[in-house]
N, C-alpha and C. Protein backbone atom coordinates (compact mmCIF):
# COMPACT_ATOMS: atom_id res chain seq x y z
N MET A 1 0.86 -1.15 0.26
CA MET A 1 -0.08 0.12 0.34
C MET A 1 0.98 1.57 0.33
N ARG A 2 2.14 1.20 0.67
CA ARG A 2 2.54 2.58 0.82
C ARG A 2 3.55 2.50 -0.36
N ASP A 3 3.89 1.58 -1.66
CA ASP A 3 4.20 1.62 -2.68
C ASP A 3 3.38 2.54 -3.42
N ASP A 4 2.26 2.31 -3.42
CA ASP A 4 1.07 2.66 -4.39
C ASP A 4 0.92 4.06 -4.19
N ALA A 5 0.97 4.37 -2.85
CA ALA A 5 0.42 5.75 -2.30
C ALA A 5 1.98 6.45 -3.21
N GLU A 6 2.82 6.13 -2.69
CA GLU A 6 4.39 6.85 -3.31
C GLU A 6 4.17 6.77 -4.53
N MET A 7 4.24 6.09 -5.31
CA MET A 7 3.94 6.00 -6.56
C MET A 7 2.35 7.01 -7.00
N ASP A 8 1.48 6.98 -6.54
CA ASP A 8 0.28 8.24 -6.98
C ASP A 8 0.94 9.50 -6.59
N ASN A 9 1.77 9.23 -5.44
CA ASN A 9 2.53 11.19 -5.14
C ASN A 9 3.55 11.37 -6.61
N ARG A 10 3.91 10.27 -6.98
CA ARG A 10 5.22 10.66 -7.94
C ARG A 10 4.66 10.91 -9.04
N ARG A 11 3.29 10.30 -9.22
CA ARG A 11 2.50 10.82 -10.43
C ARG A 11 1.84 11.85 -10.59
N LYS A 12 1.04 12.63 -9.12
CA LYS A 12 0.50 13.90 -8.94
C LYS A 12 2.20 15.28 -8.98
N ARG A 13 3.06 14.90 -8.29
CA ARG A 13 4.28 15.89 -8.84
C ARG A 13 4.18 15.99 -10.02
N GLY A 14 4.78 14.79 -10.98
CA GLY A 14 5.05 14.74 -12.05
C GLY A 14 4.34 15.56 -13.24
N LYS A 15 2.79 15.28 -13.03
CA LYS A 15 1.54 15.81 -13.29
C LYS A 15 1.75 17.64 -13.30
N LYS A 16 2.19 18.25 -11.91
CA LYS A 16 2.00 19.86 -11.59
C LYS A 16 3.14 19.98 -12.07
N TYR A 17 4.36 19.56 -11.81
CA TYR A 17 5.47 20.63 -11.93
C TYR A 17 6.27 20.14 -13.52
N GLY A 18 6.42 18.67 -13.63
CA GLY A 18 6.30 18.07 -14.73
C GLY A 18 7.76 16.89 -14.31
N GLY A 19 7.65 16.31 -15.38
CA GLY A 19 8.72 14.70 -15.12
C GLY A 19 9.74 14.80 -13.90
N TRP A 20 10.40 15.86 -14.43
CA TRP A 20 11.61 16.05 -12.98
C TRP A 20 11.52 15.95 -12.07
N ALA A 21 10.47 16.20 -11.18
CA ALA A 21 9.61 16.21 -10.35
C ALA A 21 9.59 14.62 -9.51
N TRP A 22 9.22 13.48 -9.69
CA TRP A 22 8.99 12.13 -9.93
C TRP A 22 9.90 11.83 -9.00
N ASN A 23 11.23 12.36 -8.89
CA ASN A 23 12.25 11.50 -7.82
C ASN A 23 12.82 12.51 -6.77
N VAL A 24 11.73 13.69 -6.35
CA VAL A 24 12.30 14.34 -5.21
C VAL A 24 10.83 14.68 -4.43
N SER A 25 10.99 15.17 -3.24
CA SER A 25 9.69 16.00 -2.36
C SER A 25 8.87 16.20 -2.95
N ASP A 26 7.73 16.46 -2.14
CA ASP A 26 6.71 17.76 -2.45
C ASP A 26 7.52 18.56 -1.83
N ALA A 27 7.81 18.98 -0.95
CA ALA A 27 8.65 20.31 -0.40
C ALA A 27 9.93 20.52 -1.52
N GLU A 28 10.90 19.99 -1.46
CA GLU A 28 11.55 19.98 -3.08
C GLU A 28 11.29 20.53 -4.03
N ALA A 29 10.03 20.06 -4.28
CA ALA A 29 9.40 19.81 -6.11
C ALA A 29 9.10 21.96 -5.74
N GLU A 30 8.24 22.06 -4.63
CA GLU A 30 7.26 23.35 -4.70
C GLU A 30 8.77 24.46 -4.90
N GLU A 31 9.75 23.84 -3.89
CA GLU A 31 10.79 25.40 -3.47
C GLU A 31 11.85 25.41 -4.81
N THR A 32 11.33 24.46 -6.02
CA THR A 32 12.51 24.34 -6.58
C THR A 32 11.56 24.79 -8.02
N PHE A 33 10.55 25.02 -7.87
CA PHE A 33 9.40 25.24 -8.16
C PHE A 33 9.36 27.14 -8.17
N GLN A 34 9.12 27.28 -7.21
CA GLN A 34 9.26 28.61 -6.54
C GLN A 34 10.47 29.63 -6.73
N ASN A 35 11.39 29.08 -6.79
CA ASN A 35 12.84 29.52 -6.83
C ASN A 35 13.42 29.84 -8.20
N TYR A 36 13.12 28.79 -8.96
CA TYR A 36 13.39 28.64 -10.47
C TYR A 36 12.47 28.48 -11.89
N SER A 37 11.25 28.93 -11.72
CA SER A 37 9.90 29.06 -12.18
C SER A 37 10.53 30.07 -13.39
N VAL A 38 10.98 30.74 -13.07
CA VAL A 38 11.30 32.06 -14.56
C VAL A 38 12.52 31.20 -15.42
N GLY A 39 12.82 30.20 -15.08
CA GLY A 39 13.88 29.43 -15.68
C GLY A 39 13.38 28.79 -17.06
N ILE A 40 11.81 28.75 -16.77
CA ILE A 40 10.86 27.48 -17.64
C ILE A 40 10.58 28.56 -19.09
N GLN A 41 10.36 29.81 -18.20
CA GLN A 41 10.36 30.97 -19.53
C GLN A 41 11.69 31.04 -20.18
N LEU A 42 12.51 30.80 -19.28
CA LEU A 42 14.32 31.14 -20.51
C LEU A 42 14.18 30.12 -20.96
N LEU A 43 14.07 28.60 -20.41
CA LEU A 43 14.33 27.84 -21.38
C LEU A 43 13.51 27.13 -22.63
N LYS A 44 12.40 28.05 -22.79
CA LYS A 44 11.12 28.08 -23.54
C LYS A 44 11.73 29.24 -24.67
N GLN A 45 12.51 30.27 -24.32
CA GLN A 45 13.01 31.12 -25.06
C GLN A 45 14.41 30.30 -26.02
N ILE A 46 15.39 29.80 -25.37
CA ILE A 46 15.92 29.05 -25.82
C ILE A 46 15.81 27.61 -26.96
N VAL A 47 14.18 27.07 -26.71
CA VAL A 47 14.30 26.08 -27.44
C VAL A 47 13.96 26.69 -28.80
N GLU A 48 12.57 27.66 -28.49
CA GLU A 48 12.07 28.17 -29.76
C GLU A 48 13.34 29.24 -30.51
N GLY A 49 13.90 29.53 -29.77
CA GLY A 49 15.39 30.28 -29.95
C GLY A 49 15.83 29.58 -31.15
N VAL A 50 16.26 28.64 -30.83
CA VAL A 50 16.91 27.34 -32.03
C VAL A 50 16.25 26.85 -32.82
N PHE A 51 15.04 26.21 -32.53
CA PHE A 51 13.80 25.21 -33.75
C PHE A 51 13.24 25.93 -34.47
N GLY A 52 12.71 26.91 -33.75
CA GLY A 52 11.54 27.90 -34.51
C GLY A 52 10.10 27.97 -33.43
N LYS A 53 9.59 28.96 -33.51
CA LYS A 53 8.39 29.37 -33.20
C LYS A 53 7.14 28.23 -32.70
N ASN A 54 7.07 27.59 -34.55
CA ASN A 54 6.12 27.33 -35.36
C ASN A 54 5.23 25.73 -34.81
N HIS A 55 6.32 25.62 -33.77
CA HIS A 55 5.72 23.90 -33.22
C HIS A 55 5.74 24.21 -31.39
N THR A 56 5.00 22.95 -31.55
CA THR A 56 5.14 22.77 -29.56
C THR A 56 6.08 21.45 -29.54
N TYR A 57 7.17 22.07 -28.25
CA TYR A 57 8.25 20.93 -27.82
C TYR A 57 8.05 20.59 -26.33
N TYR A 58 8.45 19.35 -26.60
CA TYR A 58 8.59 18.22 -25.33
C TYR A 58 10.07 18.13 -25.07
N VAL A 59 10.62 18.38 -23.93
CA VAL A 59 11.93 18.54 -23.42
C VAL A 59 11.95 17.70 -22.79
N GLU A 60 13.22 16.19 -22.73
CA GLU A 60 12.94 14.98 -21.65
C GLU A 60 13.78 15.59 -20.73
N ASN A 61 13.53 14.46 -19.77
CA ASN A 61 14.52 14.66 -18.27
C ASN A 61 15.78 14.55 -18.95
N ASP A 62 16.47 13.75 -19.72
CA ASP A 62 18.02 13.55 -20.00
C ASP A 62 18.41 14.91 -20.00
N SER A 63 17.69 15.89 -20.23
CA SER A 63 18.29 17.11 -20.68
C SER A 63 19.42 17.55 -19.20
N TYR A 64 19.99 18.28 -19.46
CA TYR A 64 20.98 18.81 -18.17
C TYR A 64 21.94 20.30 -18.61
N ALA A 65 22.47 20.78 -17.72
CA ALA A 65 23.49 21.77 -17.81
C ALA A 65 24.74 21.33 -17.24
N GLY A 66 25.90 21.91 -18.01
CA GLY A 66 27.08 21.28 -17.38
C GLY A 66 28.20 22.71 -17.81
N GLU A 67 29.95 22.40 -17.54
CA GLU A 67 30.59 22.86 -17.91
C GLU A 67 30.99 22.95 -19.32
N GLU A 68 30.68 22.04 -20.19
CA GLU A 68 30.74 21.84 -21.62
C GLU A 68 29.34 22.77 -22.41
N GLY A 69 28.59 22.93 -21.40
CA GLY A 69 27.17 23.77 -21.83
C GLY A 69 25.93 23.05 -21.53
N ILE A 70 24.89 23.46 -22.44
CA ILE A 70 23.59 23.42 -22.27
C ILE A 70 23.32 21.31 -23.22
N HIS A 71 23.14 20.52 -22.84
CA HIS A 71 22.40 19.45 -23.34
C HIS A 71 21.21 19.26 -23.47
N LEU A 72 19.62 19.33 -24.16
CA LEU A 72 18.38 19.27 -24.57
C LEU A 72 18.73 17.66 -25.37
N GLU A 73 17.79 17.04 -24.80
CA GLU A 73 16.48 16.26 -25.81
C GLU A 73 15.68 16.45 -25.79
N VAL A 74 15.03 17.15 -27.40
CA VAL A 74 13.95 17.46 -27.55
C VAL A 74 13.18 16.98 -28.76
N PHE A 75 11.52 17.14 -28.27
CA PHE A 75 10.82 16.18 -28.97
C PHE A 75 10.01 17.10 -30.04
N PRO A 76 9.70 17.37 -31.41
CA PRO A 76 9.25 18.29 -31.38
C PRO A 76 7.91 17.86 -31.95
N GLU A 77 6.32 18.55 -31.91
CA GLU A 77 5.07 17.93 -31.72
C GLU A 77 5.02 18.42 -33.55
N LEU A 78 4.75 17.59 -34.39
CA LEU A 78 4.74 17.68 -35.63
C LEU A 78 3.23 16.74 -36.43
N GLY A 79 2.47 16.39 -34.94
CA GLY A 79 1.29 16.00 -35.89
C GLY A 79 1.17 14.68 -36.87
N LYS A 80 0.16 14.96 -37.45
CA LYS A 80 0.46 14.02 -38.71
C LYS A 80 1.70 14.17 -39.73
N HIS A 81 2.36 13.82 -40.18
CA HIS A 81 4.13 13.65 -40.15
C HIS A 81 4.64 12.35 -41.00
N PHE A 82 5.43 12.56 -42.41
CA PHE A 82 5.95 11.48 -42.61
C PHE A 82 7.17 10.73 -41.93
N CYS A 83 7.33 11.61 -41.19
CA CYS A 83 8.66 10.69 -39.83
C CYS A 83 8.58 11.18 -38.60
N HIS A 84 8.60 10.75 -37.60
CA HIS A 84 8.86 11.01 -36.22
C HIS A 84 10.54 11.84 -36.17
N MET A 85 10.85 12.55 -35.40
CA MET A 85 12.23 13.44 -35.15
C MET A 85 12.13 13.59 -33.97
N ALA A 86 13.59 12.99 -33.69
CA ALA A 86 13.89 13.14 -32.08
C ALA A 86 14.97 14.22 -32.32
N ILE A 87 15.20 14.81 -31.53
CA ILE A 87 16.30 15.98 -31.79
C ILE A 87 17.64 16.23 -30.21
N THR A 88 18.83 15.85 -30.28
CA THR A 88 19.44 15.98 -29.44
C THR A 88 20.67 17.29 -29.43
N VAL A 89 20.46 18.01 -28.56
CA VAL A 89 21.31 19.24 -29.09
C VAL A 89 22.64 19.80 -28.28
N GLU A 90 23.76 20.10 -28.37
CA GLU A 90 24.84 20.36 -27.30
C GLU A 90 24.89 22.13 -27.61
N LEU A 91 24.29 23.07 -26.78
CA LEU A 91 25.00 24.35 -26.92
C LEU A 91 25.78 25.26 -26.29
N ASP A 92 26.74 25.27 -26.87
CA ASP A 92 27.96 26.15 -26.49
C ASP A 92 28.80 26.70 -27.60
N ALA A 93 29.80 27.32 -27.33
CA ALA A 93 30.41 28.23 -28.60
C ALA A 93 30.29 27.45 -29.41
N ASN A 94 30.13 26.19 -29.75
CA ASN A 94 30.67 25.37 -31.29
C ASN A 94 29.06 24.47 -30.84
N PRO A 95 27.99 24.68 -31.02
CA PRO A 95 26.50 24.06 -31.28
C PRO A 95 26.91 22.60 -32.01
N ARG A 96 26.34 21.70 -31.55
CA ARG A 96 25.83 20.25 -32.03
C ARG A 96 24.73 20.21 -32.22
N MET A 97 24.41 19.12 -33.21
CA MET A 97 22.84 18.71 -33.26
C MET A 97 23.08 17.46 -33.93
N MET A 98 22.46 16.46 -33.40
CA MET A 98 21.93 15.10 -34.02
C MET A 98 20.29 15.01 -34.13
N VAL A 99 19.78 15.09 -35.42
CA VAL A 99 18.12 14.56 -35.60
C VAL A 99 18.20 13.17 -35.99
N THR A 100 17.19 12.58 -35.21
CA THR A 100 16.83 11.45 -35.70
C THR A 100 15.50 11.59 -36.37
N ALA A 101 15.57 10.70 -37.60
CA ALA A 101 14.11 11.20 -38.24
C ALA A 101 13.79 9.53 -38.39
N ARG A 102 12.70 8.67 -38.15
CA ARG A 102 12.48 7.49 -38.08
C ARG A 102 11.10 7.25 -39.18
N PHE A 103 11.17 6.76 -40.42
CA PHE A 103 10.75 6.61 -41.68
C PHE A 103 9.30 5.28 -41.53
N GLY A 104 10.04 4.75 -40.35
CA GLY A 104 9.20 3.05 -40.36
C GLY A 104 7.98 3.01 -40.71
N GLU A 105 7.00 3.95 -40.00
CA GLU A 105 5.56 4.20 -40.23
C GLU A 105 4.87 4.65 -41.68
N TYR A 106 5.79 5.63 -42.16
CA TYR A 106 5.91 5.89 -43.44
C TYR A 106 5.55 5.03 -44.40
N LEU A 107 7.15 4.04 -44.37
CA LEU A 107 7.40 2.87 -45.27
C LEU A 107 5.66 1.57 -44.99
N LYS A 108 5.57 1.82 -44.28
CA LYS A 108 4.54 0.87 -44.00
C LYS A 108 2.98 1.03 -44.59
N SER A 109 2.78 2.54 -44.75
CA SER A 109 1.52 3.02 -45.26
C SER A 109 1.60 3.15 -46.60
N ILE A 110 2.60 2.26 -47.37
CA ILE A 110 2.85 2.20 -48.92
C ILE A 110 2.71 0.86 -48.80
N LYS A 111 1.59 0.43 -50.38
CA LYS A 111 1.51 -0.89 -50.29
C LYS A 111 2.13 -1.69 -50.94
N SER A 112 2.89 -1.04 -51.78
CA SER A 112 4.02 -1.69 -52.86
C SER A 112 4.97 -0.81 -53.43
N PHE A 113 6.02 -1.64 -53.68
CA PHE A 113 7.55 -0.78 -54.15
C PHE A 113 7.56 -0.96 -55.53
N ASP A 114 8.51 -0.26 -56.53
CA ASP A 114 8.98 -0.89 -56.95
C ASP A 114 10.59 -1.31 -57.43
N CYS A 115 10.96 -1.22 -56.29
CA CYS A 115 12.70 -1.36 -56.31
C CYS A 115 12.66 -2.26 -54.21
N ASP A 116 13.49 -2.99 -54.36
CA ASP A 116 13.70 -3.59 -52.78
C ASP A 116 14.32 -2.84 -51.82
N PHE A 117 14.54 -3.05 -51.21
CA PHE A 117 15.19 -1.99 -49.88
C PHE A 117 15.99 -1.68 -49.83
N ASP A 118 17.51 -2.54 -50.66
CA ASP A 118 18.62 -2.15 -50.60
C ASP A 118 18.67 -1.22 -52.02
N GLU A 119 17.69 -1.06 -52.96
CA GLU A 119 18.10 -0.15 -53.79
C GLU A 119 17.53 0.95 -53.64
N LEU A 120 16.37 1.43 -52.32
CA LEU A 120 15.91 2.26 -52.16
C LEU A 120 16.76 3.09 -51.41
N LEU A 121 18.09 2.12 -50.53
CA LEU A 121 18.93 3.03 -49.51
C LEU A 121 19.71 3.24 -50.77
N GLU A 122 20.36 2.76 -51.41
CA GLU A 122 21.81 3.08 -51.88
C GLU A 122 21.15 4.43 -53.00
N GLU A 123 19.46 4.48 -53.65
CA GLU A 123 19.68 6.21 -54.00
C GLU A 123 19.71 6.70 -53.02
N ILE A 124 18.93 6.58 -52.02
CA ILE A 124 18.98 7.68 -50.85
C ILE A 124 20.67 8.02 -50.45
N ASP A 125 21.49 7.07 -50.88
CA ASP A 125 22.81 7.58 -50.25
C ASP A 125 23.28 8.56 -51.24
N SER A 126 23.26 8.07 -52.17
CA SER A 126 23.87 8.36 -53.25
C SER A 126 23.08 10.20 -53.70
N GLU A 127 21.90 10.16 -53.88
CA GLU A 127 21.26 11.64 -53.40
C GLU A 127 21.79 12.36 -52.78
N SER A 128 21.48 11.57 -51.72
CA SER A 128 21.67 12.83 -50.21
C SER A 128 23.46 13.27 -50.26
N ARG A 129 24.29 12.86 -51.33
CA ARG A 129 25.88 12.86 -51.55
C ARG A 129 25.86 14.76 -52.16
N THR A 130 24.77 14.68 -52.81
CA THR A 130 24.62 15.61 -53.75
C THR A 130 24.31 16.76 -52.97
N TRP A 131 23.72 16.95 -51.64
CA TRP A 131 23.13 17.83 -50.84
C TRP A 131 24.36 18.70 -50.56
N ASP A 132 24.14 20.04 -50.38
CA ASP A 132 25.36 20.77 -50.16
C ASP A 132 25.14 21.64 -48.67
N ASP A 133 23.60 20.98 -47.75
CA ASP A 133 23.33 21.61 -46.17
C ASP A 133 24.68 22.06 -45.64
N GLY A 134 24.66 23.05 -44.64
CA GLY A 134 25.43 23.21 -44.24
C GLY A 134 26.98 23.66 -45.01
N GLY A 135 27.33 23.75 -46.28
CA GLY A 135 28.52 24.60 -46.81
C GLY A 135 29.47 23.43 -46.66
N ASP A 136 30.43 23.77 -47.48
CA ASP A 136 31.94 23.15 -47.37
C ASP A 136 32.52 23.28 -45.99
N PHE A 137 32.22 24.07 -45.25
CA PHE A 137 32.87 23.92 -44.09
C PHE A 137 32.40 23.25 -42.74
N THR A 138 31.32 23.06 -42.77
CA THR A 138 30.61 22.04 -41.74
C THR A 138 29.44 21.39 -42.37
N PRO A 139 29.62 20.58 -43.65
CA PRO A 139 28.55 20.07 -44.31
C PRO A 139 27.72 18.93 -43.36
N TRP A 140 26.51 18.65 -43.32
CA TRP A 140 25.51 18.28 -42.65
C TRP A 140 26.27 16.25 -42.81
N GLU A 141 26.15 15.39 -42.13
CA GLU A 141 25.88 14.47 -42.22
C GLU A 141 24.87 13.30 -41.90
N LEU A 142 25.01 12.53 -43.05
CA LEU A 142 23.72 11.39 -42.99
C LEU A 142 23.72 9.96 -43.44
N GLU A 143 23.29 9.80 -41.70
CA GLU A 143 24.04 8.06 -41.07
C GLU A 143 22.60 7.30 -41.44
N CYS A 144 22.66 6.43 -41.88
CA CYS A 144 21.48 5.36 -41.83
C CYS A 144 21.66 4.11 -41.17
N ASP A 145 19.97 3.72 -40.52
CA ASP A 145 20.08 2.25 -40.14
C ASP A 145 19.30 2.13 -40.25
N ALA A 146 18.91 0.75 -40.89
CA ALA A 146 18.05 0.00 -41.42
C ALA A 146 18.02 -1.28 -41.57
N GLU A 147 16.99 -2.23 -41.55
CA GLU A 147 16.69 -3.17 -41.69
C GLU A 147 14.60 -3.82 -41.67
N GLY A 148 15.18 -5.10 -42.42
CA GLY A 148 13.78 -5.46 -42.57
C GLY A 148 13.62 -5.58 -44.49
N GLU A 149 12.85 -5.71 -44.81
CA GLU A 149 12.38 -5.68 -46.69
C GLU A 149 11.33 -4.98 -46.49
N LEU A 150 10.72 -4.98 -47.81
CA LEU A 150 9.81 -3.44 -47.95
C LEU A 150 8.74 -4.42 -48.41
N GLU A 151 8.37 -5.43 -47.87
CA GLU A 151 6.90 -6.23 -48.33
C GLU A 151 6.04 -6.63 -47.11
N TRP A 152 4.76 -6.97 -47.86
CA TRP A 152 3.61 -7.10 -46.81
C TRP A 152 3.65 -8.86 -47.22
N ASP A 153 3.16 -9.52 -46.19
CA ASP A 153 3.18 -10.83 -46.42
C ASP A 153 1.28 -11.69 -47.06
N ASP A 154 1.71 -12.68 -46.94
CA ASP A 154 0.35 -13.25 -47.44
C ASP A 154 -1.20 -12.61 -46.60
N ASP A 155 -0.98 -12.53 -45.59
CA ASP A 155 -1.99 -12.41 -44.92
C ASP A 155 -2.52 -10.83 -44.65
N ASP A 156 -1.60 -10.18 -45.39
CA ASP A 156 -1.59 -8.37 -45.53
C ASP A 156 -0.86 -7.85 -44.17
N GLU A 157 -0.12 -8.80 -43.51
CA GLU A 157 0.88 -8.08 -42.36
C GLU A 157 1.90 -7.57 -42.81
N TRP A 158 2.42 -6.34 -42.65
CA TRP A 158 3.45 -5.72 -42.97
C TRP A 158 4.27 -6.36 -41.63
N SER A 159 5.34 -7.01 -42.62
CA SER A 159 6.49 -7.36 -41.96
C SER A 159 8.05 -7.00 -42.46
N GLY A 160 8.00 -5.90 -42.66
CA GLY A 160 8.92 -5.59 -43.48
C GLY A 160 9.92 -4.40 -42.68
N ALA A 161 10.19 -2.80 -43.05
CA ALA A 161 11.41 -2.47 -42.62
C ALA A 161 11.30 -1.22 -42.16
N GLU A 162 12.12 -1.23 -40.79
CA GLU A 162 12.21 -0.02 -40.23
C GLU A 162 13.71 0.81 -41.32
N LEU A 163 13.17 2.08 -41.10
CA LEU A 163 14.61 2.87 -41.37
C LEU A 163 14.58 4.49 -40.87
N ASN A 164 15.58 4.44 -40.17
CA ASN A 164 15.88 5.47 -39.41
C ASN A 164 17.32 6.53 -40.05
N TYR A 165 16.83 7.67 -40.12
CA TYR A 165 17.98 8.37 -40.85
C TYR A 165 18.55 9.78 -39.32
N SER A 166 20.05 9.45 -39.32
CA SER A 166 20.60 10.24 -38.10
C SER A 166 21.45 11.54 -39.17
N LEU A 167 21.27 12.56 -38.37
CA LEU A 167 21.64 13.79 -39.31
C LEU A 167 22.33 14.91 -38.66
N LEU A 168 23.61 14.78 -38.44
CA LEU A 168 24.70 15.45 -37.70
C LEU A 168 25.48 16.48 -38.06
N ILE A 169 24.85 18.02 -37.15
CA ILE A 169 25.28 19.11 -37.54
C ILE A 169 26.10 19.53 -36.93
N GLN A 170 26.64 20.11 -37.53
CA GLN A 170 27.78 21.66 -36.33
C GLN A 170 27.55 23.16 -36.97
N GLY A 171 27.47 23.84 -35.77
CA GLY A 171 26.83 25.11 -36.37
C GLY A 171 27.99 25.83 -36.15
N SER A 172 28.24 26.97 -36.23
CA SER A 172 28.60 28.03 -36.72
C SER A 172 28.79 29.15 -35.58
N GLY A 173 27.88 29.13 -35.31
CA GLY A 173 27.59 29.91 -33.34
C GLY A 173 26.56 29.90 -32.48
N TYR A 174 26.48 30.17 -31.70
CA TYR A 174 25.68 29.58 -31.08
C TYR A 174 23.88 29.60 -31.38
N TRP A 175 23.32 30.31 -32.22
CA TRP A 175 22.17 30.49 -32.96
C TRP A 175 21.83 30.10 -34.22
N SER A 176 22.90 29.26 -34.86
CA SER A 176 23.10 29.08 -36.24
C SER A 176 22.36 27.53 -36.13
N LEU A 177 21.85 27.06 -35.68
CA LEU A 177 21.76 25.56 -35.74
C LEU A 177 19.90 25.49 -36.40
N PRO A 178 19.64 24.62 -37.43
CA PRO A 178 18.66 24.89 -38.25
C PRO A 178 17.41 24.69 -37.44
N SER A 179 16.64 25.42 -38.08
CA SER A 179 15.01 25.30 -37.54
C SER A 179 14.18 23.80 -37.87
N VAL A 180 13.34 23.20 -36.89
CA VAL A 180 12.50 22.23 -37.52
C VAL A 180 12.00 22.29 -39.14
N ASP A 181 11.28 23.86 -39.13
CA ASP A 181 11.04 23.60 -40.74
C ASP A 181 11.72 23.21 -41.84
N THR A 182 12.92 23.79 -41.21
CA THR A 182 14.15 23.24 -42.36
C THR A 182 14.41 22.27 -42.53
N LEU A 183 15.17 21.53 -41.48
CA LEU A 183 15.09 19.94 -40.80
C LEU A 183 13.76 19.10 -41.67
N TYR A 184 12.72 19.58 -41.67
CA TYR A 184 11.74 19.35 -42.13
C TYR A 184 12.18 19.45 -43.66
N GLU A 185 12.34 20.20 -44.25
CA GLU A 185 12.28 20.43 -45.69
C GLU A 185 13.14 19.39 -46.43
N TYR A 186 14.60 19.31 -45.34
CA TYR A 186 15.66 17.98 -45.47
C TYR A 186 14.75 16.69 -46.01
N PHE A 187 14.53 16.45 -44.38
CA PHE A 187 13.56 14.84 -44.57
C PHE A 187 12.68 15.11 -46.10
N GLU A 188 12.37 16.15 -46.19
CA GLU A 188 11.37 16.08 -47.17
C GLU A 188 11.61 15.04 -48.71
N ARG A 189 13.43 15.58 -48.67
CA ARG A 189 13.85 15.23 -50.21
C ARG A 189 13.98 13.80 -49.76
N ILE A 190 14.09 12.74 -49.01
CA ILE A 190 14.09 11.67 -48.72
C ILE A 190 12.62 10.92 -48.81
N LYS A 191 11.54 11.47 -48.48
CA LYS A 191 10.14 11.21 -48.77
C LYS A 191 10.22 10.90 -50.11
N GLU A 192 10.39 12.09 -50.82
CA GLU A 192 10.42 12.33 -52.41
C GLU A 192 11.16 11.43 -53.14
N ILE A 193 12.45 10.75 -52.30
CA ILE A 193 12.61 9.30 -53.13
C ILE A 193 11.78 8.34 -53.00
N ILE A 194 11.29 8.11 -51.38
CA ILE A 194 10.50 6.74 -51.38
C ILE A 194 8.92 7.32 -52.36
N ASP A 195 9.04 8.46 -52.19
CA ASP A 195 7.74 8.62 -53.05
C ASP A 195 7.46 7.75 -54.46
N SER A 196 8.85 8.47 -54.93
CA SER A 196 8.88 7.61 -56.45
C SER A 196 9.28 6.57 -56.75
N HIS A 197 9.42 5.50 -56.16
CA HIS A 197 9.30 4.12 -56.10
C HIS A 197 7.58 3.72 -55.35
N LYS A 198 7.01 4.21 -55.07
CA LYS A 198 5.68 3.79 -55.13
C LYS A 198 5.24 2.81 -56.64
N LYS A 199 4.75 1.91 -55.79
CA LYS A 199 4.47 0.72 -57.51
C LYS A 199 3.03 1.63 -57.86
N LYS A 200 3.08 1.71 -59.10
CA LYS A 200 1.81 2.33 -59.78
C LYS A 200 1.19 0.77 -59.94
N THR A 201 -0.50 0.71 -59.73
CA THR A 201 -1.29 0.24 -60.15
C THR A 201 -1.93 0.00 -61.14
N ALA A 202 -2.14 -1.16 -62.56
CA ALA A 202 -2.40 -0.57 -63.38
C ALA A 202 -4.17 -0.60 -62.80
N LYS A 203 -4.77 0.78 -64.01
CA LYS A 203 -6.19 0.95 -63.70
C LYS A 203 -7.11 -0.70 -64.44
N LYS A 204 -8.81 -0.62 -63.53
CA LYS A 204 -9.26 -1.72 -64.35
C LYS A 204 -9.89 -1.19 -65.79
N GLY A 205 -9.44 -2.38 -66.63
CA GLY A 205 -10.24 -1.91 -68.15
C GLY A 205 -8.92 -1.05 -69.22
N SER A 206 -7.79 -0.83 -68.35
CA SER A 206 -6.94 -0.15 -68.97
C SER A 206 -5.79 -1.20 -70.20
């Protein structure tokens, strides 16, 4: 019973103050909130300053500040979107960002492809090498993590692919990292390549 009551108290603190308050007492959570609540607005300004004001963001508990700068784990709320995006950013004199975009659900939404998975990945790799985002000094680096096949089984169950892309970005100043809208446009190019391999079905009677 005591464990259940403690878990209930943790949930209440989390709902009132945020996930960071789960592992502190009610008194410590209240004191922290009263003394540092102005920092909430400051963090909001930092996140929106880096990523843009057009979206809602969720900052994870793994975020922290240290001697090397501010480390943020951020998830933008994109609504119905062709990929799920997670962002890790290090904010200091030489800011860095890693964006993970997950395309697995989008692949699943496509019933048939005119190529196999390896061919699709090779084309994305080849095309992305010609993109010059970031310029010559700090070009963006795209890395792929993929497994499975682009196929549905005989029972119309998706038996196929997971496709995640990690985009590594080095900034040249504190506010030089790309916004979520800019990242969206970048990953839109990958979507366009995927879309170009949707298998066209013949119309009845043709």
